[in-house]
């Protein structure tokens, strides 16, 4: 299974969207600075994850979540599922 995930910076509330096979290992990599973008916004927490059967469908979903419509959908989804805006 391929995970599509969204991280939120605990430092400045920036969001980062990605995909991987092992979400817990990938979060560790982001938090130790192995990614150029996420290195400057550490630490990170996972705010959303969904599983996909293949890389192709995961990539399509990742791209959607990176654009305006996907971000709006995710914000609405998080509000509905948690009852509040992500902090």
Protein backbone atom coordinates (compact mmCIF):
# COMPACT_ATOMS: atom_id res chain seq x y z
CA UNK A 1 0.00 0.00 0.00
CA UNK A 2 1.11 3.53 -0.78
CA UNK A 3 0.33 6.27 1.73
CA UNK A 4 -0.53 9.80 0.64
CA UNK A 5 0.05 12.06 3.61
CA UNK A 6 -0.16 15.66 4.72
CA UNK A 7 2.16 16.99 7.40
CA UNK A 8 1.81 20.20 9.37
CA UNK A 9 4.75 22.13 10.75
CA UNK A 10 4.54 22.66 14.50
CA UNK A 11 6.78 25.70 13.99
CA UNK A 12 4.79 27.73 11.45
CA UNK A 13 1.71 25.64 10.47
CA UNK A 14 2.99 25.06 6.90
CA UNK A 15 1.53 21.99 5.18
CA UNK A 16 3.56 19.44 3.21
CA UNK A 17 1.99 16.73 1.02
CA UNK A 18 3.81 13.59 -0.05
CA UNK A 19 3.57 9.86 -0.62
CA UNK A 20 5.53 6.86 0.61
CA UNK A 21 5.33 3.20 1.56
CA UNK A 22 6.25 3.58 5.26
CA UNK A 23 4.64 6.67 6.83
CA UNK A 24 6.29 6.39 10.24
CA UNK A 25 9.77 6.13 8.70
CA UNK A 26 9.02 9.00 6.31
CA UNK A 27 7.91 11.25 9.19
CA UNK A 28 11.21 10.51 10.94
CA UNK A 29 13.10 11.47 7.77
CA UNK A 30 11.24 14.78 7.56
CA UNK A 31 11.89 15.52 11.22
CA UNK A 32 15.66 14.90 10.98
CA UNK A 33 15.98 17.12 7.91
CA UNK A 34 16.39 14.69 5.00
CA UNK A 35 14.14 16.80 2.75
CA UNK A 36 15.22 20.26 1.60
CA UNK A 37 11.82 21.94 2.00
CA UNK A 38 10.72 20.32 5.25
CA UNK A 39 14.12 20.80 6.90
CA UNK A 40 13.41 24.49 7.49
CA UNK A 41 9.98 23.94 9.05
CA UNK A 42 10.69 21.23 11.63
CA UNK A 43 9.18 19.60 13.64
CA UNK A 44 6.29 18.01 11.72
CA UNK A 45 3.15 16.10 12.67
CA UNK A 46 0.87 13.98 10.47
CA UNK A 47 -2.56 15.54 10.00
CA UNK A 48 -3.92 13.30 7.22
CA UNK A 49 -3.15 9.91 5.65
CA UNK A 50 -4.94 7.81 3.04
CA UNK A 51 -3.88 4.49 1.54
CA UNK A 52 -3.75 3.60 -2.17
CA UNK A 53 -3.18 0.30 -3.93
CA UNK A 54 -0.67 1.62 -6.48
CA UNK A 55 1.76 4.47 -7.14
CA UNK A 56 -0.28 5.84 -10.05
CA UNK A 57 -3.47 6.44 -8.07
CA UNK A 58 -1.46 7.72 -5.10
CA UNK A 59 0.35 10.25 -7.32
CA UNK A 60 -2.93 11.52 -8.78
CA UNK A 61 -4.32 12.04 -5.28
CA UNK A 62 -1.08 13.65 -4.04
CA UNK A 63 -1.16 16.15 -6.90
CA UNK A 64 -4.83 16.96 -6.17
CA UNK A 65 -4.08 17.63 -2.50
CA UNK A 66 -1.22 19.98 -3.44
CA UNK A 67 -3.48 22.34 -5.39
CA UNK A 68 -6.13 24.80 -4.23
CA UNK A 69 -9.17 22.55 -4.68
CA UNK A 70 -7.49 19.71 -2.80
CA UNK A 71 -6.37 21.98 0.03
CA UNK A 72 -9.93 23.32 0.36
CA UNK A 73 -11.30 19.76 0.42
CA UNK A 74 -8.77 18.71 3.05
CA UNK A 75 -9.48 21.71 5.26
CA UNK A 76 -13.23 20.96 5.09
CA UNK A 77 -12.60 17.26 5.76
CA UNK A 78 -10.43 18.04 8.81
CA UNK A 79 -13.01 20.48 10.15
CA UNK A 80 -15.78 17.90 9.79
CA UNK A 81 -13.79 15.03 11.25
CA UNK A 82 -12.28 16.95 14.17
CA UNK A 83 -14.90 19.62 14.68
CA UNK A 84 -12.38 22.47 14.36
CA UNK A 85 -9.70 24.01 12.19
CA UNK A 86 -6.25 22.48 12.39
CA UNK A 87 -4.21 24.62 14.77
